[in-house]
Amino acid sequence: MYINTSGYYIPEERVDNQHFLALNGLTSEWIEQRTGIKTRSKAGPEENINTMGLEAIRRALPQLPYDITEVDLIILASYSPYDTVATGAHIAQREFNIENAKALYLSSACSSFLNALEVVEGYFCMGKASKALIISADKNSAYSNETDTKAGHLWGDAAAAYFISKERMKDTDAEILSIVTQGLGHIGKGPDAVQLRPRDGGIMMPEGRDVFIQACTYMPKNVLYLLEQNGYGLDELTYFIGHQANMRIMSNIAKQLDLPDEKFLQNIEELGNTGSVSSALVYAQNADQFKKGDLIAITVFGGGYSAGACLIKL
């Protein structure tokens, strides 16, 4: 599997920490110390995951080495749907006249993008697709409760689009060496730890400490597994991209693995927790700086629970 190109869309508006003081009593210093977040991106009232996803696709197109109508599989990966019937995958199919593609919606909390990659891998292996488009997007602000002292201050909005092919299409394509995902609903607080119930409180994280513990366990564990599976040592890893949930999680992982700060790519300080798109967004934001031979790990942990990682070689 190869990444042919990626694009992303981040709304212009930024909500700073001070915004929450009158809403939930949390100071800017308290939020930054515990999460690493200073501002978060916020989509406008006229924007949703479909509009953001379409813009991410448009920004990827100039570098696409084939016509978008050759895509034969479209997956929307998200947990904050705008429409659960006419999904962003179907909207993209219509917008870009991708007539011969399967279109579907996939959700596994913040692991959705990695699970979508694995679904693409399965379609490729079965011979049922050869060129895929993954749209990953979340509009957390549509569901967030800003008065919630546990999670109301975390969320950001964004979208990314990835074109993936079964065969290498150009010399600069990045190869996806390996993917692993897990359903972990049976561990810890599992399905009760993070919730998005649109008609009952919106997005909430009542068991944040358990999320922290499990994320600090599974995110590095899955990276080490993939490195060993593919014959690499940890010292050969160029960049580590983790789910942008909390800077303290990344700090904990850095200490566990004894990796220097320069190997960690992050955007949480400015954009907040952008949900299922967060790690894909970090990769897309930095794609232009990656060099031939770089080895990059993406690893995520999401509510439910779910986890996943992939290893990418340029």
C-alpha atoms as a PDB file:
ATOM      1  CA  MET A   1       0.000   0.000   0.000  1.00  0.00           C
ATOM      2  CA  TYR A   2       1.220   3.458  -0.876  1.00  0.00           C
ATOM      3  CA  ILE A   3       0.258   6.973   0.121  1.00  0.00           C
ATOM      4  CA  ASN A   4       0.051   8.888  -3.153  1.00  0.00           C
ATOM      5  CA  THR A   5      -0.799  12.246  -1.607  1.00  0.00           C
ATOM      6  CA  SER A   6      -2.609  13.821   1.331  1.00  0.00           C
ATOM      7  CA  GLY A   7      -4.392  17.083   1.987  1.00  0.00           C
ATOM      8  CA  TYR A   8      -5.897  18.733   5.024  1.00  0.00           C
ATOM      9  CA  TYR A   9      -8.256  21.468   6.125  1.00  0.00           C
ATOM     10  CA  ILE A  10      -8.103  23.333   9.424  1.00  0.00           C
ATOM     11  CA  PRO A  11     -10.712  25.985  10.245  1.00  0.00           C
ATOM     12  CA  GLU A  12      -9.316  29.490  10.778  1.00  0.00           C
ATOM     13  CA  GLU A  13     -10.913  30.225  14.148  1.00  0.00           C
ATOM     14  CA  ARG A  14      -8.914  29.539  17.328  1.00  0.00           C
ATOM     15  CA  VAL A  15     -10.459  29.355  20.792  1.00  0.00           C
ATOM     16  CA  ASP A  16      -7.963  30.158  23.539  1.00  0.00           C
ATOM     17  CA  ASN A  17      -7.931  28.740  27.052  1.00  0.00           C
ATOM     18  CA  GLN A  18      -9.227  31.927  28.632  1.00  0.00           C
ATOM     19  CA  HIS A  19     -12.555  31.264  26.912  1.00  0.00           C
ATOM     20  CA  PHE A  20     -13.318  28.495  29.412  1.00  0.00           C
ATOM     21  CA  LEU A  21     -12.762  30.379  32.676  1.00  0.00           C
ATOM     22  CA  ALA A  22     -16.276  31.827  32.803  1.00  0.00           C
ATOM     23  CA  LEU A  23     -17.805  28.589  31.500  1.00  0.00           C
ATOM     24  CA  ASN A  24     -16.279  25.938  33.746  1.00  0.00           C
ATOM     25  CA  GLY A  25     -13.910  27.789  36.082  1.00  0.00           C
ATOM     26  CA  LEU A  26     -10.724  26.311  34.588  1.00  0.00           C
ATOM     27  CA  THR A  27      -7.836  28.731  34.240  1.00  0.00           C
ATOM     28  CA  SER A  28      -5.657  28.951  31.148  1.00  0.00           C
ATOM     29  CA  GLU A  29      -2.653  27.796  33.183  1.00  0.00           C
ATOM     30  CA  TRP A  30      -4.524  24.775  34.561  1.00  0.00           C
ATOM     31  CA  ILE A  31      -5.611  23.637  31.090  1.00  0.00           C
ATOM     32  CA  GLU A  32      -2.167  24.093  29.545  1.00  0.00           C
ATOM     33  CA  GLN A  33      -0.381  22.332  32.397  1.00  0.00           C
ATOM     34  CA  ARG A  34      -2.613  19.262  32.235  1.00  0.00           C
ATOM     35  CA  THR A  35      -3.189  18.975  28.489  1.00  0.00           C
ATOM     36  CA  GLY A  36      -0.554  21.031  26.650  1.00  0.00           C
ATOM     37  CA  ILE A  37      -3.352  22.859  24.812  1.00  0.00           C
ATOM     38  CA  LYS A  38      -3.209  26.642  24.376  1.00  0.00           C
ATOM     39  CA  THR A  39      -5.800  27.047  21.605  1.00  0.00           C
ATOM     40  CA  ARG A  40      -8.083  24.778  19.627  1.00  0.00           C
ATOM     41  CA  SER A  41      -9.462  24.984  16.088  1.00  0.00           C
ATOM     42  CA  LYS A  42     -13.181  25.614  15.673  1.00  0.00           C
ATOM     43  CA  ALA A  43     -15.258  25.158  12.536  1.00  0.00           C
ATOM     44  CA  GLY A  44     -17.807  27.778  11.580  1.00  0.00           C
ATOM     45  CA  PRO A  45     -21.556  27.173  11.916  1.00  0.00           C
ATOM     46  CA  GLU A  46     -21.816  26.577   8.160  1.00  0.00           C
ATOM     47  CA  GLU A  47     -19.042  23.959   8.224  1.00  0.00           C
ATOM     48  CA  ASN A  48     -19.327  20.247   8.964  1.00  0.00           C
ATOM     49  CA  ILE A  49     -17.243  17.126   8.423  1.00  0.00           C
ATOM     50  CA  ASN A  50     -18.475  16.881   4.838  1.00  0.00           C
ATOM     51  CA  THR A  51     -17.519  20.429   3.856  1.00  0.00           C
ATOM     52  CA  MET A  52     -14.163  20.138   5.631  1.00  0.00           C
ATOM     53  CA  GLY A  53     -13.502  16.759   4.030  1.00  0.00           C
ATOM     54  CA  LEU A  54     -14.233  18.088   0.541  1.00  0.00           C
ATOM     55  CA  GLU A  55     -11.791  20.946   1.059  1.00  0.00           C
ATOM     56  CA  ALA A  56      -9.101  18.515   2.265  1.00  0.00           C
ATOM     57  CA  ILE A  57      -9.626  16.487  -0.925  1.00  0.00           C
ATOM     58  CA  ARG A  58      -9.313  19.594  -3.111  1.00  0.00           C
ATOM     59  CA  ARG A  59      -6.018  20.470  -1.444  1.00  0.00           C
ATOM     60  CA  ALA A  60      -4.646  16.988  -2.120  1.00  0.00           C
ATOM     61  CA  LEU A  61      -5.594  16.890  -5.803  1.00  0.00           C
ATOM     62  CA  PRO A  62      -2.697  18.924  -7.277  1.00  0.00           C
ATOM     63  CA  GLN A  63      -0.258  16.160  -6.247  1.00  0.00           C
ATOM     64  CA  LEU A  64      -2.470  13.213  -7.216  1.00  0.00           C
ATOM     65  CA  PRO A  65      -0.721  11.199  -9.978  1.00  0.00           C
ATOM     66  CA  TYR A  66      -3.960   9.895 -11.515  1.00  0.00           C
ATOM     67  CA  ASP A  67      -7.489  11.152 -12.132  1.00  0.00           C
ATOM     68  CA  ILE A  68      -9.666  11.093  -9.017  1.00  0.00           C
ATOM     69  CA  THR A  69     -12.346   9.208 -10.969  1.00  0.00           C
ATOM     70  CA  GLU A  70     -10.048   6.155 -10.889  1.00  0.00           C
ATOM     71  CA  VAL A  71     -10.690   5.795  -7.143  1.00  0.00           C
ATOM     72  CA  ASP A  72     -12.721   2.649  -6.477  1.00  0.00           C
ATOM     73  CA  LEU A  73     -13.132   2.843  -2.694  1.00  0.00           C
ATOM     74  CA  ILE A  74     -14.086   5.840  -0.531  1.00  0.00           C
ATOM     75  CA  ILE A  75     -14.171   5.659   3.266  1.00  0.00           C
ATOM     76  CA  LEU A  76     -15.249   8.367   5.677  1.00  0.00           C
ATOM     77  CA  ALA A  77     -13.545   7.840   9.052  1.00  0.00           C
ATOM     78  CA  SER A  78     -15.155   9.866  11.835  1.00  0.00           C
ATOM     79  CA  TYR A  79     -17.131   9.688  15.056  1.00  0.00           C
ATOM     80  CA  SER A  80     -18.955  13.041  14.738  1.00  0.00           C
ATOM     81  CA  PRO A  81     -21.228  12.527  11.726  1.00  0.00           C
ATOM     82  CA  TYR A  82     -23.084  15.364  10.066  1.00  0.00           C
ATOM     83  CA  ASP A  83     -25.398  12.895   8.334  1.00  0.00           C
ATOM     84  CA  THR A  84     -25.470   9.176   9.081  1.00  0.00           C
ATOM     85  CA  VAL A  85     -27.237   8.314   5.813  1.00  0.00           C
ATOM     86  CA  ALA A  86     -25.705  10.500   3.094  1.00  0.00           C
ATOM     87  CA  THR A  87     -22.184  10.253   4.496  1.00  0.00           C
ATOM     88  CA  GLY A  88     -19.141  12.292   3.554  1.00  0.00           C
ATOM     89  CA  ALA A  89     -17.978   9.375   1.394  1.00  0.00           C
ATOM     90  CA  HIS A  90     -21.125   9.621  -0.727  1.00  0.00           C
ATOM     91  CA  ILE A  91     -20.905  13.426  -0.859  1.00  0.00           C
ATOM     92  CA  ALA A  92     -17.318  13.150  -2.160  1.00  0.00           C
ATOM     93  CA  GLN A  93     -18.361  10.521  -4.688  1.00  0.00           C
ATOM     94  CA  ARG A  94     -20.978  12.890  -6.096  1.00  0.00           C
ATOM     95  CA  GLU A  95     -18.832  16.049  -5.894  1.00  0.00           C
ATOM     96  CA  PHE A  96     -15.939  14.524  -7.842  1.00  0.00           C
ATOM     97  CA  ASN A  97     -17.994  12.186 -10.072  1.00  0.00           C
ATOM     98  CA  ILE A  98     -16.292   9.029  -8.771  1.00  0.00           C
ATOM     99  CA  GLU A  99     -18.797   6.677 -10.381  1.00  0.00           C
ATOM    100  CA  ASN A 100     -17.157   3.292  -9.850  1.00  0.00           C
ATOM    101  CA  ALA A 101     -16.306   3.478  -6.160  1.00  0.00           C
ATOM    102  CA  LYS A 102     -17.713   1.728  -3.136  1.00  0.00           C
ATOM    103  CA  ALA A 103     -18.575   4.326  -0.465  1.00  0.00           C
ATOM    104  CA  LEU A 104     -18.918   3.720   3.252  1.00  0.00           C
ATOM    105  CA  TYR A 105     -18.674   5.259   6.720  1.00  0.00           C
ATOM    106  CA  LEU A 106     -16.458   3.803   9.455  1.00  0.00           C
ATOM    107  CA  SER A 107     -16.258   4.727  13.138  1.00  0.00           C
ATOM    108  CA  SER A 108     -14.064   3.437  15.944  1.00  0.00           C
ATOM    109  CA  ALA A 109     -13.563   6.649  17.939  1.00  0.00           C
ATOM    110  CA  CYS A 110     -10.071   8.136  17.612  1.00  0.00           C
ATOM    111  CA  SER A 111      -8.809   4.948  15.940  1.00  0.00           C
ATOM    112  CA  SER A 112     -11.105   5.456  12.946  1.00  0.00           C
ATOM    113  CA  PHE A 113      -8.377   6.543  10.514  1.00  0.00           C
ATOM    114  CA  LEU A 114      -6.169   3.533  11.313  1.00  0.00           C
ATOM    115  CA  ASN A 115      -9.114   1.182  11.023  1.00  0.00           C
ATOM    116  CA  ALA A 116      -9.952   2.736   7.661  1.00  0.00           C
ATOM    117  CA  LEU A 117      -6.391   2.047   6.500  1.00  0.00           C
ATOM    118  CA  GLU A 118      -6.780  -1.578   7.507  1.00  0.00           C
ATOM    119  CA  VAL A 119     -10.113  -1.848   5.697  1.00  0.00           C
ATOM    120  CA  VAL A 120      -8.422  -0.479   2.569  1.00  0.00           C
ATOM    121  CA  GLU A 121      -5.708  -3.111   3.007  1.00  0.00           C
ATOM    122  CA  GLY A 122      -8.395  -5.793   3.121  1.00  0.00           C
ATOM    123  CA  TYR A 123     -10.138  -4.562  -0.028  1.00  0.00           C
ATOM    124  CA  PHE A 124      -6.785  -4.446  -1.815  1.00  0.00           C
ATOM    125  CA  CYS A 125      -5.914  -7.988  -0.713  1.00  0.00           C
ATOM    126  CA  MET A 126      -9.288  -9.290  -1.898  1.00  0.00           C
ATOM    127  CA  GLY A 127      -8.792  -7.648  -5.266  1.00  0.00           C
ATOM    128  CA  LYS A 128     -11.954  -5.584  -4.816  1.00  0.00           C
ATOM    129  CA  ALA A 129     -10.204  -2.193  -4.998  1.00  0.00           C
ATOM    130  CA  SER A 130      -6.867  -0.731  -6.076  1.00  0.00           C
ATOM    131  CA  LYS A 131      -7.149   3.013  -5.406  1.00  0.00           C
ATOM    132  CA  ALA A 132      -8.773   4.348  -2.238  1.00  0.00           C
ATOM    133  CA  LEU A 133      -9.684   7.693  -0.749  1.00  0.00           C
ATOM    134  CA  ILE A 134      -9.877   8.005   3.032  1.00  0.00           C
ATOM    135  CA  ILE A 135     -11.552  11.110   4.410  1.00  0.00           C
ATOM    136  CA  SER A 136     -10.923  11.608   8.108  1.00  0.00           C
ATOM    137  CA  ALA A 137     -12.742  14.459   9.837  1.00  0.00           C
ATOM    138  CA  ASP A 138     -14.321  15.471  13.118  1.00  0.00           C
ATOM    139  CA  LYS A 139     -16.308  18.510  14.149  1.00  0.00           C
ATOM    140  CA  ASN A 140     -16.084  18.067  17.891  1.00  0.00           C
ATOM    141  CA  SER A 141     -17.477  21.548  18.499  1.00  0.00           C
ATOM    142  CA  ALA A 142     -20.848  20.345  17.185  1.00  0.00           C
ATOM    143  CA  TYR A 143     -21.166  18.068  20.194  1.00  0.00           C
ATOM    144  CA  SER A 144     -18.877  19.439  22.906  1.00  0.00           C
ATOM    145  CA  ASN A 145     -20.194  20.743  26.210  1.00  0.00           C
ATOM    146  CA  GLU A 146     -17.868  23.605  27.136  1.00  0.00           C
ATOM    147  CA  THR A 147     -19.076  23.649  30.753  1.00  0.00           C
ATOM    148  CA  ASP A 148     -17.803  20.101  31.286  1.00  0.00           C
ATOM    149  CA  THR A 149     -14.703  20.384  33.485  1.00  0.00           C
ATOM    150  CA  LYS A 150     -13.379  16.953  32.452  1.00  0.00           C
ATOM    151  CA  ALA A 151     -13.311  17.318  28.672  1.00  0.00           C
ATOM    152  CA  GLY A 152     -15.144  20.435  27.479  1.00  0.00           C
ATOM    153  CA  HIS A 153     -11.872  22.302  26.900  1.00  0.00           C
ATOM    154  CA  LEU A 154     -10.125  19.620  24.814  1.00  0.00           C
ATOM    155  CA  TRP A 155     -11.738  19.559  21.417  1.00  0.00           C
ATOM    156  CA  GLY A 156     -10.717  20.887  18.007  1.00  0.00           C
ATOM    157  CA  ASP A 157     -12.085  20.527  14.461  1.00  0.00           C
ATOM    158  CA  ALA A 158     -10.264  19.497  11.256  1.00  0.00           C
ATOM    159  CA  ALA A 159     -10.198  17.147   8.251  1.00  0.00           C
ATOM    160  CA  ALA A 160      -7.631  15.232   6.189  1.00  0.00           C
ATOM    161  CA  ALA A 161      -7.827  13.300   2.926  1.00  0.00           C
ATOM    162  CA  TYR A 162      -5.514  10.468   1.883  1.00  0.00           C
ATOM    163  CA  PHE A 163      -5.218   8.806  -1.507  1.00  0.00           C
ATOM    164  CA  ILE A 164      -3.924   5.241  -1.169  1.00  0.00           C
ATOM    165  CA  SER A 165      -3.007   2.844  -3.980  1.00  0.00           C
ATOM    166  CA  LYS A 166      -2.178  -0.854  -4.133  1.00  0.00           C
ATOM    167  CA  GLU A 167       0.776  -0.212  -6.458  1.00  0.00           C
ATOM    168  CA  ARG A 168       3.402   2.538  -6.300  1.00  0.00           C
ATOM    169  CA  MET A 169       2.288   5.386  -8.577  1.00  0.00           C
ATOM    170  CA  LYS A 170       5.311   7.696  -8.299  1.00  0.00           C
ATOM    171  CA  ASP A 171       8.797   7.654  -6.785  1.00  0.00           C
ATOM    172  CA  THR A 172       7.804   9.881  -3.853  1.00  0.00           C
ATOM    173  CA  ASP A 173       4.960   7.629  -2.683  1.00  0.00           C
ATOM    174  CA  ALA A 174       5.289   6.571   0.954  1.00  0.00           C
ATOM    175  CA  GLU A 175       4.890   2.837   1.575  1.00  0.00           C
ATOM    176  CA  ILE A 176       2.628   1.631   4.364  1.00  0.00           C
ATOM    177  CA  LEU A 177       4.661  -1.304   5.625  1.00  0.00           C
ATOM    178  CA  SER A 178       2.345  -2.674   8.262  1.00  0.00           C
ATOM    179  CA  ILE A 179      -0.890  -1.948  10.168  1.00  0.00           C
ATOM    180  CA  VAL A 180      -2.243  -3.310  13.426  1.00  0.00           C
ATOM    181  CA  THR A 181      -5.559  -2.482  15.119  1.00  0.00           C
ATOM    182  CA  GLN A 182      -7.357  -3.733  18.202  1.00  0.00           C
ATOM    183  CA  GLY A 183     -10.799  -3.625  19.707  1.00  0.00           C
ATOM    184  CA  LEU A 184     -10.318  -3.169  23.454  1.00  0.00           C
ATOM    185  CA  GLY A 185     -13.841  -2.804  24.781  1.00  0.00           C
ATOM    186  CA  HIS A 186     -13.106  -5.485  27.364  1.00  0.00           C
ATOM    187  CA  ILE A 187     -10.290  -3.650  29.209  1.00  0.00           C
ATOM    188  CA  GLY A 188     -10.398  -0.973  31.901  1.00  0.00           C
ATOM    189  CA  LYS A 189     -13.410   1.319  31.737  1.00  0.00           C
ATOM    190  CA  GLY A 190     -13.887   0.436  28.070  1.00  0.00           C
ATOM    191  CA  PRO A 191     -17.122   1.706  26.515  1.00  0.00           C
ATOM    192  CA  ASP A 192     -17.907   3.996  29.461  1.00  0.00           C
ATOM    193  CA  ALA A 193     -14.663   5.997  29.373  1.00  0.00           C
ATOM    194  CA  VAL A 194     -15.438   8.305  26.443  1.00  0.00           C
ATOM    195  CA  GLN A 195     -18.927   8.963  25.130  1.00  0.00           C
ATOM    196  CA  LEU A 196     -20.630  10.861  22.336  1.00  0.00           C
ATOM    197  CA  ARG A 197     -24.357  10.721  22.834  1.00  0.00           C
ATOM    198  CA  PRO A 198     -25.812  13.454  20.622  1.00  0.00           C
ATOM    199  CA  ARG A 199     -29.100  13.713  22.530  1.00  0.00           C
ATOM    200  CA  ASP A 200     -27.680  13.031  25.972  1.00  0.00           C
ATOM    201  CA  GLY A 201     -24.822  15.334  26.933  1.00  0.00           C
ATOM    202  CA  GLY A 202     -22.772  15.332  23.727  1.00  0.00           C
ATOM    203  CA  ILE A 203     -19.108  14.337  23.843  1.00  0.00           C
ATOM    204  CA  MET A 204     -17.776  13.591  27.321  1.00  0.00           C
ATOM    205  CA  MET A 205     -14.861  11.799  28.946  1.00  0.00           C
ATOM    206  CA  PRO A 206     -15.958  10.666  32.417  1.00  0.00           C
ATOM    207  CA  GLU A 207     -13.012   8.283  32.882  1.00  0.00           C
ATOM    208  CA  GLY A 208     -10.077  10.392  31.737  1.00  0.00           C
ATOM    209  CA  ARG A 209      -7.551   8.791  34.063  1.00  0.00           C
ATOM    210  CA  ASP A 210      -8.252   5.319  32.715  1.00  0.00           C
ATOM    211  CA  VAL A 211      -7.970   6.655  29.153  1.00  0.00           C
ATOM    212  CA  PHE A 212      -4.567   8.098  30.075  1.00  0.00           C
ATOM    213  CA  ILE A 213      -3.333   4.797  31.527  1.00  0.00           C
ATOM    214  CA  GLN A 214      -4.488   2.691  28.586  1.00  0.00           C
ATOM    215  CA  ALA A 215      -3.214   5.153  25.954  1.00  0.00           C
ATOM    216  CA  CYS A 216       0.210   5.214  27.609  1.00  0.00           C
ATOM    217  CA  THR A 217       0.221   1.407  27.447  1.00  0.00           C
ATOM    218  CA  TYR A 218      -1.084   0.576  23.977  1.00  0.00           C
ATOM    219  CA  MET A 219       0.279   3.423  21.859  1.00  0.00           C
ATOM    220  CA  PRO A 220       3.975   2.597  22.457  1.00  0.00           C
ATOM    221  CA  LYS A 221       3.271  -1.151  22.643  1.00  0.00           C
ATOM    222  CA  ASN A 222       1.843  -1.215  19.125  1.00  0.00           C
ATOM    223  CA  VAL A 223       4.737   0.806  17.688  1.00  0.00           C
ATOM    224  CA  LEU A 224       7.289  -1.558  19.223  1.00  0.00           C
ATOM    225  CA  TYR A 225       5.334  -4.527  17.844  1.00  0.00           C
ATOM    226  CA  LEU A 226       5.355  -3.144  14.295  1.00  0.00           C
ATOM    227  CA  LEU A 227       9.037  -2.231  14.439  1.00  0.00           C
ATOM    228  CA  GLU A 228       9.940  -5.762  15.528  1.00  0.00           C
ATOM    229  CA  GLN A 229       7.583  -7.303  12.955  1.00  0.00           C
ATOM    230  CA  ASN A 230       9.320  -5.377  10.174  1.00  0.00           C
ATOM    231  CA  GLY A 231      12.884  -5.888  11.390  1.00  0.00           C
ATOM    232  CA  TYR A 232      13.575  -2.364  12.660  1.00  0.00           C
ATOM    233  CA  GLY A 233      15.004  -1.119  15.925  1.00  0.00           C
ATOM    234  CA  LEU A 234      13.511   1.788  17.852  1.00  0.00           C
ATOM    235  CA  ASP A 235      16.623   3.848  17.085  1.00  0.00           C
ATOM    236  CA  GLU A 236      15.798   3.591  13.356  1.00  0.00           C
ATOM    237  CA  LEU A 237      12.467   5.400  13.816  1.00  0.00           C
ATOM    238  CA  THR A 238      12.624   8.904  12.311  1.00  0.00           C
ATOM    239  CA  TYR A 239       9.324  10.284  13.609  1.00  0.00           C
ATOM    240  CA  PHE A 240       6.697   9.230  16.139  1.00  0.00           C
ATOM    241  CA  ILE A 241       3.163  10.546  15.579  1.00  0.00           C
ATOM    242  CA  GLY A 242       0.678   9.813  18.348  1.00  0.00           C
ATOM    243  CA  HIS A 243      -2.984  10.633  18.741  1.00  0.00           C
ATOM    244  CA  GLN A 244      -3.165  14.247  19.871  1.00  0.00           C
ATOM    245  CA  ALA A 245      -5.219  13.685  23.015  1.00  0.00           C
ATOM    246  CA  ASN A 246      -2.988  15.107  25.723  1.00  0.00           C
ATOM    247  CA  MET A 247       0.616  16.315  25.755  1.00  0.00           C
ATOM    248  CA  ARG A 248       1.193  14.462  29.015  1.00  0.00           C
ATOM    249  CA  ILE A 249       0.513  11.157  27.238  1.00  0.00           C
ATOM    250  CA  MET A 250       3.221  11.982  24.709  1.00  0.00           C
ATOM    251  CA  SER A 251       5.628  12.973  27.479  1.00  0.00           C
ATOM    252  CA  ASN A 252       4.971   9.689  29.260  1.00  0.00           C
ATOM    253  CA  ILE A 253       5.591   7.706  26.055  1.00  0.00           C
ATOM    254  CA  ALA A 254       8.780   9.672  25.330  1.00  0.00           C
ATOM    255  CA  LYS A 255      10.116   8.659  28.759  1.00  0.00           C
ATOM    256  CA  GLN A 256       9.065   5.027  28.322  1.00  0.00           C
ATOM    257  CA  LEU A 257      10.820   4.732  24.966  1.00  0.00           C
ATOM    258  CA  ASP A 258      13.659   7.127  25.763  1.00  0.00           C
ATOM    259  CA  LEU A 259      13.026   9.022  22.526  1.00  0.00           C
ATOM    260  CA  PRO A 260      14.154  12.648  22.060  1.00  0.00           C
ATOM    261  CA  ASP A 261      11.560  15.399  21.654  1.00  0.00           C
ATOM    262  CA  GLU A 262      12.583  16.085  18.050  1.00  0.00           C
ATOM    263  CA  LYS A 263      11.229  12.670  17.000  1.00  0.00           C
ATOM    264  CA  PHE A 264       7.704  13.574  18.150  1.00  0.00           C
ATOM    265  CA  LEU A 265       5.507  15.515  15.734  1.00  0.00           C
ATOM    266  CA  GLN A 266       2.563  17.289  17.341  1.00  0.00           C
ATOM    267  CA  ASN A 267      -0.092  19.950  16.792  1.00  0.00           C
ATOM    268  CA  ILE A 268      -2.152  19.712  19.988  1.00  0.00           C
ATOM    269  CA  GLU A 269      -0.815  22.990  21.429  1.00  0.00           C
ATOM    270  CA  GLU A 270      -2.548  24.984  18.681  1.00  0.00           C
ATOM    271  CA  LEU A 271      -5.381  22.738  17.482  1.00  0.00           C
ATOM    272  CA  GLY A 272      -6.459  20.751  20.546  1.00  0.00           C
ATOM    273  CA  ASN A 273      -7.720  17.176  20.320  1.00  0.00           C
ATOM    274  CA  THR A 274      -9.078  16.937  16.762  1.00  0.00           C
ATOM    275  CA  GLY A 275     -10.303  13.403  17.322  1.00  0.00           C
ATOM    276  CA  SER A 276      -9.975  10.633  14.748  1.00  0.00           C
ATOM    277  CA  VAL A 277      -8.179  12.918  12.282  1.00  0.00           C
ATOM    278  CA  SER A 278      -5.492  14.099  14.710  1.00  0.00           C
ATOM    279  CA  SER A 279      -2.613  11.759  13.840  1.00  0.00           C
ATOM    280  CA  ALA A 280      -3.472  11.759  10.123  1.00  0.00           C
ATOM    281  CA  LEU A 281      -3.521  15.553  10.295  1.00  0.00           C
ATOM    282  CA  VAL A 282      -0.058  15.717  11.861  1.00  0.00           C
ATOM    283  CA  TYR A 283       1.337  13.498   9.095  1.00  0.00           C
ATOM    284  CA  ALA A 284      -0.307  15.550   6.342  1.00  0.00           C
ATOM    285  CA  GLN A 285       0.909  18.831   7.872  1.00  0.00           C
ATOM    286  CA  ASN A 286       4.495  17.557   7.851  1.00  0.00           C
ATOM    287  CA  ALA A 287       4.452  15.537   4.613  1.00  0.00           C
ATOM    288  CA  ASP A 288       6.547  18.094   2.737  1.00  0.00           C
ATOM    289  CA  GLN A 289       9.437  17.776   5.206  1.00  0.00           C
ATOM    290  CA  PHE A 290       9.719  13.981   5.085  1.00  0.00           C
ATOM    291  CA  LYS A 291      12.756  12.651   3.201  1.00  0.00           C
ATOM    292  CA  LYS A 292      13.574   9.468   1.329  1.00  0.00           C
ATOM    293  CA  GLY A 293      14.414   6.760   3.853  1.00  0.00           C
ATOM    294  CA  ASP A 294      12.417   8.243   6.747  1.00  0.00           C
ATOM    295  CA  LEU A 295      10.604   5.719   8.940  1.00  0.00           C
ATOM    296  CA  ILE A 296       7.432   7.056  10.557  1.00  0.00           C
ATOM    297  CA  ALA A 297       5.098   5.487  13.101  1.00  0.00           C
ATOM    298  CA  ILE A 298       1.504   6.586  13.615  1.00  0.00           C
ATOM    299  CA  THR A 299      -0.163   5.242  16.730  1.00  0.00           C
ATOM    300  CA  VAL A 300      -3.569   5.969  18.233  1.00  0.00           C
ATOM    301  CA  PHE A 301      -5.842   5.122  21.116  1.00  0.00           C
ATOM    302  CA  GLY A 302      -9.547   5.838  21.103  1.00  0.00           C
ATOM    303  CA  GLY A 303     -12.652   5.527  23.195  1.00  0.00           C
ATOM    304  CA  GLY A 304     -14.608   2.351  23.228  1.00  0.00           C
ATOM    305  CA  TYR A 305     -11.739   1.270  23.624  1.00  0.00           C
ATOM    306  CA  SER A 306      -9.815   0.893  20.376  1.00  0.00           C
ATOM    307  CA  ALA A 307      -6.187   1.174  19.324  1.00  0.00           C
ATOM    308  CA  GLY A 308      -4.017   0.937  16.257  1.00  0.00           C
ATOM    309  CA  ALA A 309      -0.695   1.783  14.650  1.00  0.00           C
ATOM    310  CA  CYS A 310       0.963   1.789  11.263  1.00  0.00           C
ATOM    311  CA  LEU A 311       4.530   1.984  10.032  1.00  0.00           C
ATOM    312  CA  ILE A 312       5.371   4.112   6.993  1.00  0.00           C
ATOM    313  CA  LYS A 313       8.609   4.148   4.973  1.00  0.00           C
ATOM    314  CA  LEU A 314       9.511   6.827   2.472  1.00  0.00           C
END
